[in-house]
């Protein structure tokens, strides 16, 4: 598992979901920062998967 995969999982668990807001321009500064951080980590995670020739649908396998 890459660092980006770990951060993506932590983001999903720890950070609030902001998808309910219909207009992203009306978000507060903190909410915009959270959306930006989530996007940054998501793109880096997808790039890391692509570098390992993995599909995003496969993702990182959890150890058993």
PDB file of N, CA and C in Angstrom:
ATOM      1  N   UNK A   1       0.860  -1.183   0.000  1.00  0.00           N
ATOM      2  CA  UNK A   1       0.000   0.000   0.000  1.00  0.00           C
ATOM      3  C   UNK A   1       0.899   1.237   0.000  1.00  0.00           C
ATOM      4  N   UNK A   2       0.565   2.163  -0.852  1.00  0.00           N
ATOM      5  CA  UNK A   2       1.346   3.398  -0.933  1.00  0.00           C
ATOM      6  C   UNK A   2       0.890   4.387   0.139  1.00  0.00           C
ATOM      7  N   UNK A   3       1.708   5.404   0.339  1.00  0.00           N
ATOM      8  CA  UNK A   3       1.345   6.455   1.298  1.00  0.00           C
ATOM      9  C   UNK A   3       0.068   7.150   0.851  1.00  0.00           C
ATOM     10  N   UNK A   4      -0.102   7.286  -0.479  1.00  0.00           N
ATOM     11  CA  UNK A   4      -1.299   7.952  -0.999  1.00  0.00           C
ATOM     12  C   UNK A   4      -2.532   7.103  -0.758  1.00  0.00           C
ATOM     13  N   UNK A   5      -2.392   5.783  -0.838  1.00  0.00           N
ATOM     14  CA  UNK A   5      -3.512   4.891  -0.548  1.00  0.00           C
ATOM     15  C   UNK A   5      -3.932   5.000   0.917  1.00  0.00           C
ATOM     16  N   UNK A   6      -2.932   5.069   1.786  1.00  0.00           N
ATOM     17  CA  UNK A   6      -3.215   5.219   3.212  1.00  0.00           C
ATOM     18  C   UNK A   6      -3.908   6.554   3.492  1.00  0.00           C
ATOM     19  N   UNK A   7      -3.381   7.628   2.893  1.00  0.00           N
ATOM     20  CA  UNK A   7      -3.996   8.945   3.089  1.00  0.00           C
ATOM     21  C   UNK A   7      -5.420   8.985   2.530  1.00  0.00           C
ATOM     22  N   UNK A   8      -5.647   8.324   1.397  1.00  0.00           N
ATOM     23  CA  UNK A   8      -6.991   8.295   0.817  1.00  0.00           C
ATOM     24  C   UNK A   8      -7.974   7.598   1.765  1.00  0.00           C
ATOM     25  N   UNK A   9      -7.526   6.508   2.360  1.00  0.00           N
ATOM     26  CA  UNK A   9      -8.403   5.799   3.316  1.00  0.00           C
ATOM     27  C   UNK A   9      -8.657   6.643   4.573  1.00  0.00           C
ATOM     28  N   UNK A  10      -7.623   7.309   5.065  1.00  0.00           N
ATOM     29  CA  UNK A  10      -7.797   8.163   6.242  1.00  0.00           C
ATOM     30  C   UNK A  10      -8.732   9.330   5.928  1.00  0.00           C
ATOM     31  N   UNK A  11      -8.596   9.917   4.741  1.00  0.00           N
ATOM     32  CA  UNK A  11      -9.493  11.001   4.345  1.00  0.00           C
ATOM     33  C   UNK A  11     -10.940  10.540   4.361  1.00  0.00           C
ATOM     34  N   UNK A  12     -11.170   9.352   3.834  1.00  0.00           N
ATOM     35  CA  UNK A  12     -12.539   8.836   3.750  1.00  0.00           C
ATOM     36  C   UNK A  12     -13.138   8.635   5.143  1.00  0.00           C
ATOM     37  N   UNK A  13     -12.307   8.197   6.070  1.00  0.00           N
ATOM     38  CA  UNK A  13     -12.799   7.901   7.415  1.00  0.00           C
ATOM     39  C   UNK A  13     -12.881   9.157   8.286  1.00  0.00           C
ATOM     40  N   UNK A  14     -11.865   9.997   8.221  1.00  0.00           N
ATOM     41  CA  UNK A  14     -11.752  11.092   9.177  1.00  0.00           C
ATOM     42  C   UNK A  14     -12.354  12.422   8.726  1.00  0.00           C
ATOM     43  N   UNK A  15     -12.268  12.725   7.442  1.00  0.00           N
ATOM     44  CA  UNK A  15     -12.723  14.038   6.986  1.00  0.00           C
ATOM     45  C   UNK A  15     -14.203  14.007   6.605  1.00  0.00           C
ATOM     46  N   UNK A  16     -14.878  15.122   6.820  1.00  0.00           N
ATOM     47  CA  UNK A  16     -16.308  15.152   6.508  1.00  0.00           C
ATOM     48  C   UNK A  16     -16.559  15.097   5.003  1.00  0.00           C
ATOM     49  N   UNK A  17     -17.707  14.578   4.665  1.00  0.00           N
ATOM     50  CA  UNK A  17     -18.131  14.517   3.273  1.00  0.00           C
ATOM     51  C   UNK A  17     -18.854  15.816   2.942  1.00  0.00           C
ATOM     52  N   UNK A  18     -18.460  16.462   1.850  1.00  0.00           N
ATOM     53  CA  UNK A  18     -19.017  17.772   1.530  1.00  0.00           C
ATOM     54  C   UNK A  18     -19.806  17.705   0.225  1.00  0.00           C
ATOM     55  N   UNK A  19     -20.158  16.519  -0.226  1.00  0.00           N
ATOM     56  CA  UNK A  19     -20.836  16.378  -1.503  1.00  0.00           C
ATOM     57  C   UNK A  19     -22.295  16.825  -1.465  1.00  0.00           C
ATOM     58  N   UNK A  20     -22.828  17.098  -0.311  1.00  0.00           N
ATOM     59  CA  UNK A  20     -24.242  17.474  -0.202  1.00  0.00           C
ATOM     60  C   UNK A  20     -24.497  18.925  -0.592  1.00  0.00           C
ATOM     61  N   UNK A  21     -23.446  19.727  -0.648  1.00  0.00           N
ATOM     62  CA  UNK A  21     -23.600  21.128  -1.007  1.00  0.00           C
ATOM     63  C   UNK A  21     -23.776  21.249  -2.522  1.00  0.00           C
ATOM     64  N   UNK A  22     -24.897  21.807  -2.965  1.00  0.00           N
ATOM     65  CA  UNK A  22     -25.144  21.886  -4.412  1.00  0.00           C
ATOM     66  C   UNK A  22     -24.238  22.889  -5.118  1.00  0.00           C
ATOM     67  N   UNK A  23     -23.733  23.881  -4.414  1.00  0.00           N
ATOM     68  CA  UNK A  23     -22.921  24.930  -5.020  1.00  0.00           C
ATOM     69  C   UNK A  23     -21.596  25.034  -4.275  1.00  0.00           C
ATOM     70  N   UNK A  24     -20.518  24.564  -4.915  1.00  0.00           N
ATOM     71  CA  UNK A  24     -19.219  24.560  -4.244  1.00  0.00           C
ATOM     72  C   UNK A  24     -18.661  25.958  -4.015  1.00  0.00           C
ATOM     73  N   UNK A  25     -19.187  26.962  -4.706  1.00  0.00           N
ATOM     74  CA  UNK A  25     -18.699  28.325  -4.506  1.00  0.00           C
ATOM     75  C   UNK A  25     -19.192  28.907  -3.181  1.00  0.00           C
ATOM     76  N   UNK A  26     -20.157  28.294  -2.574  1.00  0.00           N
ATOM     77  CA  UNK A  26     -20.694  28.791  -1.296  1.00  0.00           C
ATOM     78  C   UNK A  26     -20.067  28.107  -0.077  1.00  0.00           C
ATOM     79  N   UNK A  27     -19.038  27.324  -0.302  1.00  0.00           N
ATOM     80  CA  UNK A  27     -18.367  26.666   0.818  1.00  0.00           C
ATOM     81  C   UNK A  27     -17.492  27.659   1.561  1.00  0.00           C
ATOM     82  N   UNK A  28     -17.278  27.383   2.829  1.00  0.00           N
ATOM     83  CA  UNK A  28     -16.367  28.220   3.619  1.00  0.00           C
ATOM     84  C   UNK A  28     -14.928  27.921   3.195  1.00  0.00           C
ATOM     85  N   UNK A  29     -14.013  28.713   3.653  1.00  0.00           N
ATOM     86  CA  UNK A  29     -12.604  28.511   3.327  1.00  0.00           C
ATOM     87  C   UNK A  29     -12.092  27.157   3.789  1.00  0.00           C
ATOM     88  N   UNK A  30     -12.482  26.730   4.983  1.00  0.00           N
ATOM     89  CA  UNK A  30     -12.062  25.440   5.506  1.00  0.00           C
ATOM     90  C   UNK A  30     -12.630  24.302   4.660  1.00  0.00           C
ATOM     91  N   UNK A  31     -13.890  24.408   4.279  1.00  0.00           N
ATOM     92  CA  UNK A  31     -14.507  23.373   3.449  1.00  0.00           C
ATOM     93  C   UNK A  31     -13.831  23.293   2.077  1.00  0.00           C
ATOM     94  N   UNK A  32     -13.471  24.428   1.499  1.00  0.00           N
ATOM     95  CA  UNK A  32     -12.758  24.435   0.221  1.00  0.00           C
ATOM     96  C   UNK A  32     -11.388  23.781   0.373  1.00  0.00           C
ATOM     97  N   UNK A  33     -10.725  24.032   1.486  1.00  0.00           N
ATOM     98  CA  UNK A  33      -9.418  23.418   1.732  1.00  0.00           C
ATOM     99  C   UNK A  33      -9.553  21.903   1.855  1.00  0.00           C
ATOM    100  N   UNK A  34     -10.603  21.425   2.512  1.00  0.00           N
ATOM    101  CA  UNK A  34     -10.836  19.989   2.653  1.00  0.00           C
ATOM    102  C   UNK A  34     -11.093  19.356   1.289  1.00  0.00           C
ATOM    103  N   UNK A  35     -11.912  19.992   0.465  1.00  0.00           N
ATOM    104  CA  UNK A  35     -12.190  19.474  -0.878  1.00  0.00           C
ATOM    105  C   UNK A  35     -10.901  19.442  -1.700  1.00  0.00           C
ATOM    106  N   UNK A  36     -10.101  20.493  -1.624  1.00  0.00           N
ATOM    107  CA  UNK A  36      -8.841  20.547  -2.351  1.00  0.00           C
ATOM    108  C   UNK A  36      -7.872  19.457  -1.909  1.00  0.00           C
ATOM    109  N   UNK A  37      -7.772  19.239  -0.604  1.00  0.00           N
ATOM    110  CA  UNK A  37      -6.893  18.205  -0.071  1.00  0.00           C
ATOM    111  C   UNK A  37      -7.339  16.826  -0.528  1.00  0.00           C
ATOM    112  N   UNK A  38      -8.641  16.568  -0.456  1.00  0.00           N
ATOM    113  CA  UNK A  38      -9.160  15.271  -0.890  1.00  0.00           C
ATOM    114  C   UNK A  38      -8.882  15.040  -2.372  1.00  0.00           C
ATOM    115  N   UNK A  39      -9.047  16.065  -3.188  1.00  0.00           N
ATOM    116  CA  UNK A  39      -8.781  15.937  -4.619  1.00  0.00           C
ATOM    117  C   UNK A  39      -7.293  15.670  -4.860  1.00  0.00           C
ATOM    118  N   UNK A  40      -6.423  16.391  -4.179  1.00  0.00           N
ATOM    119  CA  UNK A  40      -4.985  16.221  -4.331  1.00  0.00           C
ATOM    120  C   UNK A  40      -4.568  14.786  -4.001  1.00  0.00           C
ATOM    121  N   UNK A  41      -5.030  14.285  -2.860  1.00  0.00           N
ATOM    122  CA  UNK A  41      -4.671  12.935  -2.437  1.00  0.00           C
ATOM    123  C   UNK A  41      -5.254  11.899  -3.397  1.00  0.00           C
ATOM    124  N   UNK A  42      -6.477  12.113  -3.850  1.00  0.00           N
ATOM    125  CA  UNK A  42      -7.102  11.170  -4.780  1.00  0.00           C
ATOM    126  C   UNK A  42      -6.315  11.087  -6.077  1.00  0.00           C
ATOM    127  N   UNK A  43      -5.935  12.226  -6.644  1.00  0.00           N
ATOM    128  CA  UNK A  43      -5.170  12.225  -7.892  1.00  0.00           C
ATOM    129  C   UNK A  43      -3.803  11.566  -7.701  1.00  0.00           C
ATOM    130  N   UNK A  44      -3.140  11.848  -6.596  1.00  0.00           N
ATOM    131  CA  UNK A  44      -1.835  11.228  -6.334  1.00  0.00           C
ATOM    132  C   UNK A  44      -1.977   9.712  -6.168  1.00  0.00           C
ATOM    133  N   UNK A  45      -3.034   9.285  -5.498  1.00  0.00           N
ATOM    134  CA  UNK A  45      -3.277   7.847  -5.318  1.00  0.00           C
ATOM    135  C   UNK A  45      -3.528   7.175  -6.669  1.00  0.00           C
ATOM    136  N   UNK A  46      -4.319   7.807  -7.524  1.00  0.00           N
ATOM    137  CA  UNK A  46      -4.575   7.247  -8.853  1.00  0.00           C
ATOM    138  C   UNK A  46      -3.298   7.199  -9.685  1.00  0.00           C
ATOM    139  N   UNK A  47      -2.463   8.224  -9.575  1.00  0.00           N
ATOM    140  CA  UNK A  47      -1.181   8.221 -10.286  1.00  0.00           C
ATOM    141  C   UNK A  47      -0.282   7.083  -9.788  1.00  0.00           C
ATOM    142  N   UNK A  48      -0.282   6.840  -8.475  1.00  0.00           N
ATOM    143  CA  UNK A  48       0.528   5.758  -7.921  1.00  0.00           C
ATOM    144  C   UNK A  48       0.031   4.403  -8.412  1.00  0.00           C
ATOM    145  N   UNK A  49      -1.278   4.231  -8.489  1.00  0.00           N
ATOM    146  CA  UNK A  49      -1.834   2.979  -9.005  1.00  0.00           C
ATOM    147  C   UNK A  49      -1.466   2.790 -10.471  1.00  0.00           C
ATOM    148  N   UNK A  50      -1.537   3.864 -11.238  1.00  0.00           N
ATOM    149  CA  UNK A  50      -1.194   3.789 -12.656  1.00  0.00           C
ATOM    150  C   UNK A  50       0.285   3.429 -12.827  1.00  0.00           C
ATOM    151  N   UNK A  51       1.130   3.949 -11.977  1.00  0.00           N
ATOM    152  CA  UNK A  51       2.550   3.640 -12.028  1.00  0.00           C
ATOM    153  C   UNK A  51       2.849   2.181 -11.746  1.00  0.00           C
ATOM    154  N   UNK A  52       1.976   1.527 -11.015  1.00  0.00           N
ATOM    155  CA  UNK A  52       2.136   0.098 -10.716  1.00  0.00           C
ATOM    156  C   UNK A  52       1.290  -0.763 -11.637  1.00  0.00           C
ATOM    157  N   UNK A  53       0.739  -0.152 -12.690  1.00  0.00           N
ATOM    158  CA  UNK A  53      -0.121  -0.854 -13.660  1.00  0.00           C
ATOM    159  C   UNK A  53      -1.303  -1.541 -12.996  1.00  0.00           C
ATOM    160  N   UNK A  54      -1.910  -0.872 -12.033  1.00  0.00           N
ATOM    161  CA  UNK A  54      -3.106  -1.377 -11.378  1.00  0.00           C
ATOM    162  C   UNK A  54      -4.288  -0.527 -11.788  1.00  0.00           C
ATOM    163  N   UNK A  55      -5.434  -1.148 -11.819  1.00  0.00           N
ATOM    164  CA  UNK A  55      -6.663  -0.427 -12.098  1.00  0.00           C
ATOM    165  C   UNK A  55      -7.175   0.202 -10.804  1.00  0.00           C
ATOM    166  N   UNK A  56      -7.753   1.400 -10.884  1.00  0.00           N
ATOM    167  CA  UNK A  56      -8.340   1.987  -9.677  1.00  0.00           C
ATOM    168  C   UNK A  56      -9.459   1.117  -9.103  1.00  0.00           C
ATOM    169  N   UNK A  57     -10.066   0.301  -9.947  1.00  0.00           N
ATOM    170  CA  UNK A  57     -11.121  -0.587  -9.457  1.00  0.00           C
ATOM    171  C   UNK A  57     -10.562  -1.708  -8.613  1.00  0.00           C
ATOM    172  N   UNK A  58      -9.309  -2.108  -8.877  1.00  0.00           N
ATOM    173  CA  UNK A  58      -8.666  -3.137  -8.073  1.00  0.00           C
ATOM    174  C   UNK A  58      -8.230  -2.561  -6.732  1.00  0.00           C
ATOM    175  N   UNK A  59      -7.629  -1.372  -6.786  1.00  0.00           N
ATOM    176  CA  UNK A  59      -7.194  -0.701  -5.565  1.00  0.00           C
ATOM    177  C   UNK A  59      -6.086  -1.451  -4.845  1.00  0.00           C
ATOM    178  N   UNK A  60      -5.807  -1.008  -3.652  1.00  0.00           N
ATOM    179  CA  UNK A  60      -4.796  -1.666  -2.828  1.00  0.00           C
ATOM    180  C   UNK A  60      -5.449  -2.815  -2.106  1.00  0.00           C
ATOM    181  N   UNK A  61      -4.809  -3.943  -2.147  1.00  0.00           N
ATOM    182  CA  UNK A  61      -5.331  -5.134  -1.469  1.00  0.00           C
ATOM    183  C   UNK A  61      -5.025  -5.050   0.024  1.00  0.00           C
ATOM    184  N   UNK A  62      -5.989  -5.411   0.820  1.00  0.00           N
ATOM    185  CA  UNK A  62      -5.786  -5.424   2.264  1.00  0.00           C
ATOM    186  C   UNK A  62      -5.110  -6.728   2.664  1.00  0.00           C
ATOM    187  N   UNK A  63      -4.162  -6.685   3.585  1.00  0.00           N
ATOM    188  CA  UNK A  63      -3.530  -7.925   4.042  1.00  0.00           C
ATOM    189  C   UNK A  63      -4.523  -8.761   4.832  1.00  0.00           C
ATOM    190  N   UNK A  64      -4.419 -10.052   4.704  1.00  0.00           N
ATOM    191  CA  UNK A  64      -5.334 -10.965   5.432  1.00  0.00           C
ATOM    192  C   UNK A  64      -4.734 -11.406   6.721  1.00  0.00           C
TER     193      UNK A  64
END
